[in-house]
mmCIF file of all heavy atoms, coordinates in Angstrom:
data_MODEL
# 
_entry.id   MODEL 
# 
loop_
_atom_site.group_PDB 
_atom_site.id 
_atom_site.type_symbol 
_atom_site.label_atom_id 
_atom_site.label_alt_id 
_atom_site.label_comp_id 
_atom_site.label_asym_id 
_atom_site.label_entity_id 
_atom_site.label_seq_id 
_atom_site.pdbx_PDB_ins_code 
_atom_site.Cartn_x 
_atom_site.Cartn_y 
_atom_site.Cartn_z 
_atom_site.occupancy 
_atom_site.B_iso_or_equiv 
_atom_site.pdbx_formal_charge 
_atom_site.auth_seq_id 
_atom_site.auth_comp_id 
_atom_site.auth_asym_id 
_atom_site.auth_atom_id 
_atom_site.pdbx_PDB_model_num 
ATOM 1   N N   . MET A 1 1  ? -15.750 4.769   -13.342 1.00 0.00 ? 1  MET A N   1 
ATOM 2   C CA  . MET A 1 1  ? -15.454 4.105   -12.068 1.00 0.00 ? 1  MET A CA  1 
ATOM 3   C C   . MET A 1 1  ? -14.186 4.716   -11.501 1.00 0.00 ? 1  MET A C   1 
ATOM 4   O O   . MET A 1 1  ? -13.141 4.700   -12.146 1.00 0.00 ? 1  MET A O   1 
ATOM 5   C CB  . MET A 1 1  ? -15.268 2.600   -12.295 1.00 0.00 ? 1  MET A CB  1 
ATOM 6   C CG  . MET A 1 1  ? -16.497 1.887   -12.837 1.00 0.00 ? 1  MET A CG  1 
ATOM 7   S SD  . MET A 1 1  ? -16.107 0.238   -13.527 1.00 0.00 ? 1  MET A SD  1 
ATOM 8   C CE  . MET A 1 1  ? -15.419 0.688   -15.145 1.00 0.00 ? 1  MET A CE  1 
ATOM 9   N N   . HIS A 1 2  ? -14.274 5.274   -10.296 1.00 0.00 ? 2  HIS A N   1 
ATOM 10  C CA  . HIS A 1 2  ? -13.152 5.971   -9.670  1.00 0.00 ? 2  HIS A CA  1 
ATOM 11  C C   . HIS A 1 2  ? -12.546 5.062   -8.597  1.00 0.00 ? 2  HIS A C   1 
ATOM 12  O O   . HIS A 1 2  ? -13.238 4.645   -7.670  1.00 0.00 ? 2  HIS A O   1 
ATOM 13  C CB  . HIS A 1 2  ? -13.613 7.283   -9.054  1.00 0.00 ? 2  HIS A CB  1 
ATOM 14  C CG  . HIS A 1 2  ? -14.145 8.258   -10.065 1.00 0.00 ? 2  HIS A CG  1 
ATOM 15  N ND1 . HIS A 1 2  ? -13.623 9.512   -10.236 1.00 0.00 ? 2  HIS A ND1 1 
ATOM 16  C CD2 . HIS A 1 2  ? -15.152 8.156   -10.977 1.00 0.00 ? 2  HIS A CD2 1 
ATOM 17  C CE1 . HIS A 1 2  ? -14.277 10.148  -11.199 1.00 0.00 ? 2  HIS A CE1 1 
ATOM 18  N NE2 . HIS A 1 2  ? -15.219 9.338   -11.661 1.00 0.00 ? 2  HIS A NE2 1 
ATOM 19  N N   . MET A 1 3  ? -11.240 4.790   -8.741  1.00 0.00 ? 3  MET A N   1 
ATOM 20  C CA  . MET A 1 3  ? -10.545 3.870   -7.855  1.00 0.00 ? 3  MET A CA  1 
ATOM 21  C C   . MET A 1 3  ? -9.508  4.605   -7.012  1.00 0.00 ? 3  MET A C   1 
ATOM 22  O O   . MET A 1 3  ? -8.700  5.382   -7.540  1.00 0.00 ? 3  MET A O   1 
ATOM 23  C CB  . MET A 1 3  ? -9.799  2.802   -8.670  1.00 0.00 ? 3  MET A CB  1 
ATOM 24  C CG  . MET A 1 3  ? -10.646 2.057   -9.665  1.00 0.00 ? 3  MET A CG  1 
ATOM 25  S SD  . MET A 1 3  ? -11.669 0.827   -8.844  1.00 0.00 ? 3  MET A SD  1 
ATOM 26  C CE  . MET A 1 3  ? -12.643 0.275   -10.248 1.00 0.00 ? 3  MET A CE  1 
ATOM 27  N N   . ALA A 1 4  ? -9.514  4.358   -5.717  1.00 0.00 ? 4  ALA A N   1 
ATOM 28  C CA  . ALA A 1 4  ? -8.430  4.802   -4.843  1.00 0.00 ? 4  ALA A CA  1 
ATOM 29  C C   . ALA A 1 4  ? -7.480  3.621   -4.674  1.00 0.00 ? 4  ALA A C   1 
ATOM 30  O O   . ALA A 1 4  ? -7.911  2.517   -4.322  1.00 0.00 ? 4  ALA A O   1 
ATOM 31  C CB  . ALA A 1 4  ? -8.970  5.252   -3.493  1.00 0.00 ? 4  ALA A CB  1 
ATOM 32  N N   . VAL A 1 5  ? -6.203  3.851   -4.948  1.00 0.00 ? 5  VAL A N   1 
ATOM 33  C CA  . VAL A 1 5  ? -5.224  2.769   -4.887  1.00 0.00 ? 5  VAL A CA  1 
ATOM 34  C C   . VAL A 1 5  ? -4.130  3.128   -3.878  1.00 0.00 ? 5  VAL A C   1 
ATOM 35  O O   . VAL A 1 5  ? -3.615  4.258   -3.892  1.00 0.00 ? 5  VAL A O   1 
ATOM 36  C CB  . VAL A 1 5  ? -4.580  2.494   -6.268  1.00 0.00 ? 5  VAL A CB  1 
ATOM 37  C CG1 . VAL A 1 5  ? -3.715  1.238   -6.204  1.00 0.00 ? 5  VAL A CG1 1 
ATOM 38  C CG2 . VAL A 1 5  ? -5.656  2.344   -7.336  1.00 0.00 ? 5  VAL A CG2 1 
ATOM 39  N N   . HIS A 1 6  ? -3.800  2.174   -3.018  1.00 0.00 ? 6  HIS A N   1 
ATOM 40  C CA  . HIS A 1 6  ? -2.760  2.371   -2.014  1.00 0.00 ? 6  HIS A CA  1 
ATOM 41  C C   . HIS A 1 6  ? -1.760  1.225   -2.102  1.00 0.00 ? 6  HIS A C   1 
ATOM 42  O O   . HIS A 1 6  ? -2.165  0.051   -2.195  1.00 0.00 ? 6  HIS A O   1 
ATOM 43  C CB  . HIS A 1 6  ? -3.353  2.430   -0.610  1.00 0.00 ? 6  HIS A CB  1 
ATOM 44  C CG  . HIS A 1 6  ? -4.272  3.589   -0.389  1.00 0.00 ? 6  HIS A CG  1 
ATOM 45  N ND1 . HIS A 1 6  ? -5.605  3.576   -0.764  1.00 0.00 ? 6  HIS A ND1 1 
ATOM 46  C CD2 . HIS A 1 6  ? -4.044  4.820   0.145   1.00 0.00 ? 6  HIS A CD2 1 
ATOM 47  C CE1 . HIS A 1 6  ? -6.157  4.736   -0.460  1.00 0.00 ? 6  HIS A CE1 1 
ATOM 48  N NE2 . HIS A 1 6  ? -5.240  5.506   0.089   1.00 0.00 ? 6  HIS A NE2 1 
ATOM 49  N N   . VAL A 1 7  ? -0.490  1.574   -2.074  1.00 0.00 ? 7  VAL A N   1 
ATOM 50  C CA  . VAL A 1 7  ? 0.579   0.576   -2.099  1.00 0.00 ? 7  VAL A CA  1 
ATOM 51  C C   . VAL A 1 7  ? 1.294   0.618   -0.753  1.00 0.00 ? 7  VAL A C   1 
ATOM 52  O O   . VAL A 1 7  ? 1.710   1.692   -0.295  1.00 0.00 ? 7  VAL A O   1 
ATOM 53  C CB  . VAL A 1 7  ? 1.584   0.843   -3.232  1.00 0.00 ? 7  VAL A CB  1 
ATOM 54  C CG1 . VAL A 1 7  ? 2.645   -0.266  -3.273  1.00 0.00 ? 7  VAL A CG1 1 
ATOM 55  C CG2 . VAL A 1 7  ? 0.873   0.963   -4.573  1.00 0.00 ? 7  VAL A CG2 1 
ATOM 56  N N   . ARG A 1 8  ? 1.432   -0.537  -0.145  1.00 0.00 ? 8  ARG A N   1 
ATOM 57  C CA  . ARG A 1 8  ? 2.173   -0.661  1.112   1.00 0.00 ? 8  ARG A CA  1 
ATOM 58  C C   . ARG A 1 8  ? 3.258   -1.712  0.931   1.00 0.00 ? 8  ARG A C   1 
ATOM 59  O O   . ARG A 1 8  ? 3.099   -2.648  0.143   1.00 0.00 ? 8  ARG A O   1 
ATOM 60  C CB  . ARG A 1 8  ? 1.238   -1.044  2.266   1.00 0.00 ? 8  ARG A CB  1 
ATOM 61  C CG  . ARG A 1 8  ? 0.250   0.055   2.619   1.00 0.00 ? 8  ARG A CG  1 
ATOM 62  C CD  . ARG A 1 8  ? -0.716  -0.364  3.718   1.00 0.00 ? 8  ARG A CD  1 
ATOM 63  N NE  . ARG A 1 8  ? -1.533  0.768   4.166   1.00 0.00 ? 8  ARG A NE  1 
ATOM 64  C CZ  . ARG A 1 8  ? -2.607  1.223   3.535   1.00 0.00 ? 8  ARG A CZ  1 
ATOM 65  N NH1 . ARG A 1 8  ? -3.015  0.600   2.425   1.00 0.00 ? 8  ARG A NH1 1 
ATOM 66  N NH2 . ARG A 1 8  ? -3.266  2.253   3.990   1.00 0.00 ? 8  ARG A NH2 1 
ATOM 67  N N   . ALA A 1 9  ? 4.336   -1.564  1.670   1.00 0.00 ? 9  ALA A N   1 
ATOM 68  C CA  . ALA A 1 9  ? 5.442   -2.516  1.537   1.00 0.00 ? 9  ALA A CA  1 
ATOM 69  C C   . ALA A 1 9  ? 6.241   -2.570  2.839   1.00 0.00 ? 9  ALA A C   1 
ATOM 70  O O   . ALA A 1 9  ? 6.197   -1.653  3.655   1.00 0.00 ? 9  ALA A O   1 
ATOM 71  C CB  . ALA A 1 9  ? 6.350   -2.126  0.371   1.00 0.00 ? 9  ALA A CB  1 
ATOM 72  N N   . GLY A 1 10 ? 6.984   -3.650  2.982   1.00 0.00 ? 10 GLY A N   1 
ATOM 73  C CA  . GLY A 1 10 ? 7.831   -3.827  4.161   1.00 0.00 ? 10 GLY A CA  1 
ATOM 74  C C   . GLY A 1 10 ? 8.364   -5.232  4.221   1.00 0.00 ? 10 GLY A C   1 
ATOM 75  O O   . GLY A 1 10 ? 8.260   -6.009  3.263   1.00 0.00 ? 10 GLY A O   1 
ATOM 76  N N   . SER A 1 11 ? 8.914   -5.583  5.352   1.00 0.00 ? 11 SER A N   1 
ATOM 77  C CA  . SER A 1 11 ? 9.516   -6.895  5.532   1.00 0.00 ? 11 SER A CA  1 
ATOM 78  C C   . SER A 1 11 ? 8.468   -7.999  5.459   1.00 0.00 ? 11 SER A C   1 
ATOM 79  O O   . SER A 1 11 ? 7.396   -7.899  6.068   1.00 0.00 ? 11 SER A O   1 
ATOM 80  C CB  . SER A 1 11 ? 10.234  -6.958  6.888   1.00 0.00 ? 11 SER A CB  1 
ATOM 81  O OG  . SER A 1 11 ? 10.634  -8.280  7.178   1.00 0.00 ? 11 SER A OG  1 
ATOM 82  N N   . ALA A 1 12 ? 8.794   -9.054  4.716   1.00 0.00 ? 12 ALA A N   1 
ATOM 83  C CA  . ALA A 1 12 ? 7.893   -10.202 4.634   1.00 0.00 ? 12 ALA A CA  1 
ATOM 84  C C   . ALA A 1 12 ? 7.781   -10.920 5.979   1.00 0.00 ? 12 ALA A C   1 
ATOM 85  O O   . ALA A 1 12 ? 6.834   -11.678 6.202   1.00 0.00 ? 12 ALA A O   1 
ATOM 86  C CB  . ALA A 1 12 ? 8.379   -11.165 3.554   1.00 0.00 ? 12 ALA A CB  1 
ATOM 87  N N   . ARG A 1 13 ? 8.714   -10.655 6.867   1.00 0.00 ? 13 ARG A N   1 
ATOM 88  C CA  . ARG A 1 13 ? 8.675   -11.274 8.200   1.00 0.00 ? 13 ARG A CA  1 
ATOM 89  C C   . ARG A 1 13 ? 7.683   -10.568 9.107   1.00 0.00 ? 13 ARG A C   1 
ATOM 90  O O   . ARG A 1 13 ? 7.290   -11.123 10.146  1.00 0.00 ? 13 ARG A O   1 
ATOM 91  C CB  . ARG A 1 13 ? 10.070  -11.238 8.825   1.00 0.00 ? 13 ARG A CB  1 
ATOM 92  C CG  . ARG A 1 13 ? 11.117  -12.024 8.029   1.00 0.00 ? 13 ARG A CG  1 
ATOM 93  C CD  . ARG A 1 13 ? 12.485  -11.902 8.665   1.00 0.00 ? 13 ARG A CD  1 
ATOM 94  N NE  . ARG A 1 13 ? 12.498  -12.445 10.019  1.00 0.00 ? 13 ARG A NE  1 
ATOM 95  C CZ  . ARG A 1 13 ? 13.569  -12.393 10.825  1.00 0.00 ? 13 ARG A CZ  1 
ATOM 96  N NH1 . ARG A 1 13 ? 14.685  -11.796 10.396  1.00 0.00 ? 13 ARG A NH1 1 
ATOM 97  N NH2 . ARG A 1 13 ? 13.529  -12.912 12.037  1.00 0.00 ? 13 ARG A NH2 1 
ATOM 98  N N   . ARG A 1 14 ? 7.295   -9.337  8.720   1.00 0.00 ? 14 ARG A N   1 
ATOM 99  C CA  . ARG A 1 14 ? 6.352   -8.572  9.549   1.00 0.00 ? 14 ARG A CA  1 
ATOM 100 C C   . ARG A 1 14 ? 5.223   -8.039  8.663   1.00 0.00 ? 14 ARG A C   1 
ATOM 101 O O   . ARG A 1 14 ? 5.096   -6.822  8.460   1.00 0.00 ? 14 ARG A O   1 
ATOM 102 C CB  . ARG A 1 14 ? 7.087   -7.432  10.258  1.00 0.00 ? 14 ARG A CB  1 
ATOM 103 C CG  . ARG A 1 14 ? 8.168   -7.914  11.229  1.00 0.00 ? 14 ARG A CG  1 
ATOM 104 C CD  . ARG A 1 14 ? 8.820   -6.762  11.974  1.00 0.00 ? 14 ARG A CD  1 
ATOM 105 N NE  . ARG A 1 14 ? 9.531   -5.868  11.055  1.00 0.00 ? 14 ARG A NE  1 
ATOM 106 C CZ  . ARG A 1 14 ? 10.763  -6.095  10.623  1.00 0.00 ? 14 ARG A CZ  1 
ATOM 107 N NH1 . ARG A 1 14 ? 11.421  -7.180  11.012  1.00 0.00 ? 14 ARG A NH1 1 
ATOM 108 N NH2 . ARG A 1 14 ? 11.353  -5.237  9.805   1.00 0.00 ? 14 ARG A NH2 1 
ATOM 109 N N   . PRO A 1 15 ? 4.409   -8.915  8.119   1.00 0.00 ? 15 PRO A N   1 
ATOM 110 C CA  . PRO A 1 15 ? 3.366   -8.487  7.170   1.00 0.00 ? 15 PRO A CA  1 
ATOM 111 C C   . PRO A 1 15 ? 2.323   -7.561  7.768   1.00 0.00 ? 15 PRO A C   1 
ATOM 112 O O   . PRO A 1 15 ? 1.624   -6.862  7.028   1.00 0.00 ? 15 PRO A O   1 
ATOM 113 C CB  . PRO A 1 15 ? 2.743   -9.809  6.722   1.00 0.00 ? 15 PRO A CB  1 
ATOM 114 C CG  . PRO A 1 15 ? 3.072   -10.781 7.806   1.00 0.00 ? 15 PRO A CG  1 
ATOM 115 C CD  . PRO A 1 15 ? 4.400   -10.373 8.333   1.00 0.00 ? 15 PRO A CD  1 
ATOM 116 N N   . SER A 1 16 ? 2.197   -7.514  9.080   1.00 0.00 ? 16 SER A N   1 
ATOM 117 C CA  . SER A 1 16 ? 1.221   -6.624  9.712   1.00 0.00 ? 16 SER A CA  1 
ATOM 118 C C   . SER A 1 16 ? 1.758   -5.213  9.883   1.00 0.00 ? 16 SER A C   1 
ATOM 119 O O   . SER A 1 16 ? 1.030   -4.320  10.337  1.00 0.00 ? 16 SER A O   1 
ATOM 120 C CB  . SER A 1 16 ? 0.813   -7.185  11.080  1.00 0.00 ? 16 SER A CB  1 
ATOM 121 O OG  . SER A 1 16 ? 1.930   -7.226  11.959  1.00 0.00 ? 16 SER A OG  1 
ATOM 122 N N   . GLU A 1 17 ? 3.032   -4.984  9.514   1.00 0.00 ? 17 GLU A N   1 
ATOM 123 C CA  . GLU A 1 17 ? 3.658   -3.675  9.722   1.00 0.00 ? 17 GLU A CA  1 
ATOM 124 C C   . GLU A 1 17 ? 4.033   -3.004  8.400   1.00 0.00 ? 17 GLU A C   1 
ATOM 125 O O   . GLU A 1 17 ? 4.956   -2.189  8.354   1.00 0.00 ? 17 GLU A O   1 
ATOM 126 C CB  . GLU A 1 17 ? 4.904   -3.825  10.597  1.00 0.00 ? 17 GLU A CB  1 
ATOM 127 C CG  . GLU A 1 17 ? 4.607   -4.405  11.974  1.00 0.00 ? 17 GLU A CG  1 
ATOM 128 C CD  . GLU A 1 17 ? 5.863   -4.630  12.794  1.00 0.00 ? 17 GLU A CD  1 
ATOM 129 O OE1 . GLU A 1 17 ? 6.938   -4.154  12.358  1.00 0.00 ? 17 GLU A OE1 1 
ATOM 130 O OE2 . GLU A 1 17 ? 5.782   -5.274  13.851  1.00 0.00 ? 17 GLU A OE2 1 
ATOM 131 N N   . LEU A 1 18 ? 3.314   -3.324  7.338   1.00 0.00 ? 18 LEU A N   1 
ATOM 132 C CA  . LEU A 1 18 ? 3.620   -2.704  6.049   1.00 0.00 ? 18 LEU A CA  1 
ATOM 133 C C   . LEU A 1 18 ? 3.347   -1.201  6.102   1.00 0.00 ? 18 LEU A C   1 
ATOM 134 O O   . LEU A 1 18 ? 2.379   -0.757  6.702   1.00 0.00 ? 18 LEU A O   1 
ATOM 135 C CB  . LEU A 1 18 ? 2.779   -3.348  4.943   1.00 0.00 ? 18 LEU A CB  1 
ATOM 136 C CG  . LEU A 1 18 ? 2.933   -4.862  4.762   1.00 0.00 ? 18 LEU A CG  1 
ATOM 137 C CD1 . LEU A 1 18 ? 2.107   -5.335  3.573   1.00 0.00 ? 18 LEU A CD1 1 
ATOM 138 C CD2 . LEU A 1 18 ? 4.397   -5.250  4.597   1.00 0.00 ? 18 LEU A CD2 1 
ATOM 139 N N   . GLU A 1 19 ? 4.223   -0.416  5.448   1.00 0.00 ? 19 GLU A N   1 
ATOM 140 C CA  . GLU A 1 19 ? 4.102   1.035   5.450   1.00 0.00 ? 19 GLU A CA  1 
ATOM 141 C C   . GLU A 1 19 ? 3.616   1.535   4.096   1.00 0.00 ? 19 GLU A C   1 
ATOM 142 O O   . GLU A 1 19 ? 3.948   0.972   3.054   1.00 0.00 ? 19 GLU A O   1 
ATOM 143 C CB  . GLU A 1 19 ? 5.454   1.681   5.778   1.00 0.00 ? 19 GLU A CB  1 
ATOM 144 C CG  . GLU A 1 19 ? 5.978   1.353   7.165   1.00 0.00 ? 19 GLU A CG  1 
ATOM 145 C CD  . GLU A 1 19 ? 7.299   2.044   7.431   1.00 0.00 ? 19 GLU A CD  1 
ATOM 146 O OE1 . GLU A 1 19 ? 7.684   2.925   6.638   1.00 0.00 ? 19 GLU A OE1 1 
ATOM 147 O OE2 . GLU A 1 19 ? 7.957   1.699   8.433   1.00 0.00 ? 19 GLU A OE2 1 
ATOM 148 N N   . LEU A 1 20 ? 2.839   2.624   4.120   1.00 0.00 ? 20 LEU A N   1 
ATOM 149 C CA  . LEU A 1 20 ? 2.339   3.222   2.893   1.00 0.00 ? 20 LEU A CA  1 
ATOM 150 C C   . LEU A 1 20 ? 3.496   3.779   2.070   1.00 0.00 ? 20 LEU A C   1 
ATOM 151 O O   . LEU A 1 20 ? 4.319   4.538   2.574   1.00 0.00 ? 20 LEU A O   1 
ATOM 152 C CB  . LEU A 1 20 ? 1.346   4.335   3.221   1.00 0.00 ? 20 LEU A CB  1 
ATOM 153 C CG  . LEU A 1 20 ? 0.674   5.024   2.030   1.00 0.00 ? 20 LEU A CG  1 
ATOM 154 C CD1 . LEU A 1 20 ? -0.257  4.058   1.313   1.00 0.00 ? 20 LEU A CD1 1 
ATOM 155 C CD2 . LEU A 1 20 ? -0.098  6.252   2.493   1.00 0.00 ? 20 LEU A CD2 1 
ATOM 156 N N   . THR A 1 21 ? 3.560   3.394   0.793   1.00 0.00 ? 21 THR A N   1 
ATOM 157 C CA  . THR A 1 21 ? 4.623   3.882   -0.091  1.00 0.00 ? 21 THR A CA  1 
ATOM 158 C C   . THR A 1 21 ? 4.096   4.774   -1.199  1.00 0.00 ? 21 THR A C   1 
ATOM 159 O O   . THR A 1 21 ? 4.759   5.723   -1.613  1.00 0.00 ? 21 THR A O   1 
ATOM 160 C CB  . THR A 1 21 ? 5.381   2.714   -0.744  1.00 0.00 ? 21 THR A CB  1 
ATOM 161 O OG1 . THR A 1 21 ? 4.546   2.080   -1.738  1.00 0.00 ? 21 THR A OG1 1 
ATOM 162 C CG2 . THR A 1 21 ? 5.815   1.691   0.292   1.00 0.00 ? 21 THR A CG2 1 
ATOM 163 N N   . THR A 1 22 ? 2.889   4.494   -1.696  1.00 0.00 ? 22 THR A N   1 
ATOM 164 C CA  . THR A 1 22 ? 2.381   5.196   -2.877  1.00 0.00 ? 22 THR A CA  1 
ATOM 165 C C   . THR A 1 22 ? 0.865   5.274   -2.824  1.00 0.00 ? 22 THR A C   1 
ATOM 166 O O   . THR A 1 22 ? 0.210   4.315   -2.396  1.00 0.00 ? 22 THR A O   1 
ATOM 167 C CB  . THR A 1 22 ? 2.792   4.459   -4.171  1.00 0.00 ? 22 THR A CB  1 
ATOM 168 O OG1 . THR A 1 22 ? 4.141   4.028   -4.071  1.00 0.00 ? 22 THR A OG1 1 
ATOM 169 C CG2 . THR A 1 22 ? 2.630   5.357   -5.388  1.00 0.00 ? 22 THR A CG2 1 
ATOM 170 N N   . THR A 1 23 ? 0.320   6.411   -3.273  1.00 0.00 ? 23 THR A N   1 
ATOM 171 C CA  . THR A 1 23 ? -1.127  6.556   -3.407  1.00 0.00 ? 23 THR A CA  1 
ATOM 172 C C   . THR A 1 23 ? -1.455  7.032   -4.816  1.00 0.00 ? 23 THR A C   1 
ATOM 173 O O   . THR A 1 23 ? -0.633  7.660   -5.477  1.00 0.00 ? 23 THR A O   1 
ATOM 174 C CB  . THR A 1 23 ? -1.688  7.577   -2.388  1.00 0.00 ? 23 THR A CB  1 
ATOM 175 O OG1 . THR A 1 23 ? -1.000  8.824   -2.548  1.00 0.00 ? 23 THR A OG1 1 
ATOM 176 C CG2 . THR A 1 23 ? -1.502  7.082   -0.966  1.00 0.00 ? 23 THR A CG2 1 
ATOM 177 N N   . CYS A 1 24 ? -2.664  6.740   -5.269  1.00 0.00 ? 24 CYS A N   1 
ATOM 178 C CA  . CYS A 1 24 ? -3.066  7.097   -6.628  1.00 0.00 ? 24 CYS A CA  1 
ATOM 179 C C   . CYS A 1 24 ? -4.584  7.108   -6.725  1.00 0.00 ? 24 CYS A C   1 
ATOM 180 O O   . CYS A 1 24 ? -5.270  6.384   -5.989  1.00 0.00 ? 24 CYS A O   1 
ATOM 181 C CB  . CYS A 1 24 ? -2.494  6.084   -7.628  1.00 0.00 ? 24 CYS A CB  1 
ATOM 182 S SG  . CYS A 1 24 ? -3.054  6.277   -9.338  1.00 0.00 ? 24 CYS A SG  1 
ATOM 183 N N   . MET A 1 25 ? -5.099  7.931   -7.638  1.00 0.00 ? 25 MET A N   1 
ATOM 184 C CA  . MET A 1 25 ? -6.502  7.869   -8.028  1.00 0.00 ? 25 MET A CA  1 
ATOM 185 C C   . MET A 1 25 ? -6.561  7.519   -9.505  1.00 0.00 ? 25 MET A C   1 
ATOM 186 O O   . MET A 1 25 ? -5.866  8.136   -10.320 1.00 0.00 ? 25 MET A O   1 
ATOM 187 C CB  . MET A 1 25 ? -7.198  9.207   -7.793  1.00 0.00 ? 25 MET A CB  1 
ATOM 188 C CG  . MET A 1 25 ? -7.378  9.578   -6.327  1.00 0.00 ? 25 MET A CG  1 
ATOM 189 S SD  . MET A 1 25 ? -8.456  8.454   -5.409  1.00 0.00 ? 25 MET A SD  1 
ATOM 190 C CE  . MET A 1 25 ? -10.000 8.687   -6.282  1.00 0.00 ? 25 MET A CE  1 
ATOM 191 N N   . SER A 1 26 ? -7.365  6.530   -9.865  1.00 0.00 ? 26 SER A N   1 
ATOM 192 C CA  . SER A 1 26 ? -7.511  6.116   -11.252 1.00 0.00 ? 26 SER A CA  1 
ATOM 193 C C   . SER A 1 26 ? -8.986  6.103   -11.636 1.00 0.00 ? 26 SER A C   1 
ATOM 194 O O   . SER A 1 26 ? -9.849  5.823   -10.794 1.00 0.00 ? 26 SER A O   1 
ATOM 195 C CB  . SER A 1 26 ? -6.923  4.717   -11.474 1.00 0.00 ? 26 SER A CB  1 
ATOM 196 O OG  . SER A 1 26 ? -5.522  4.718   -11.269 1.00 0.00 ? 26 SER A OG  1 
# 
């Protein structure tokens, strides 16, 4: 099973504006 994983983060006050921080394939 091949998984694409994306991590986004940002201000909790603006949850719709999270920015990509990390990508990975597992």
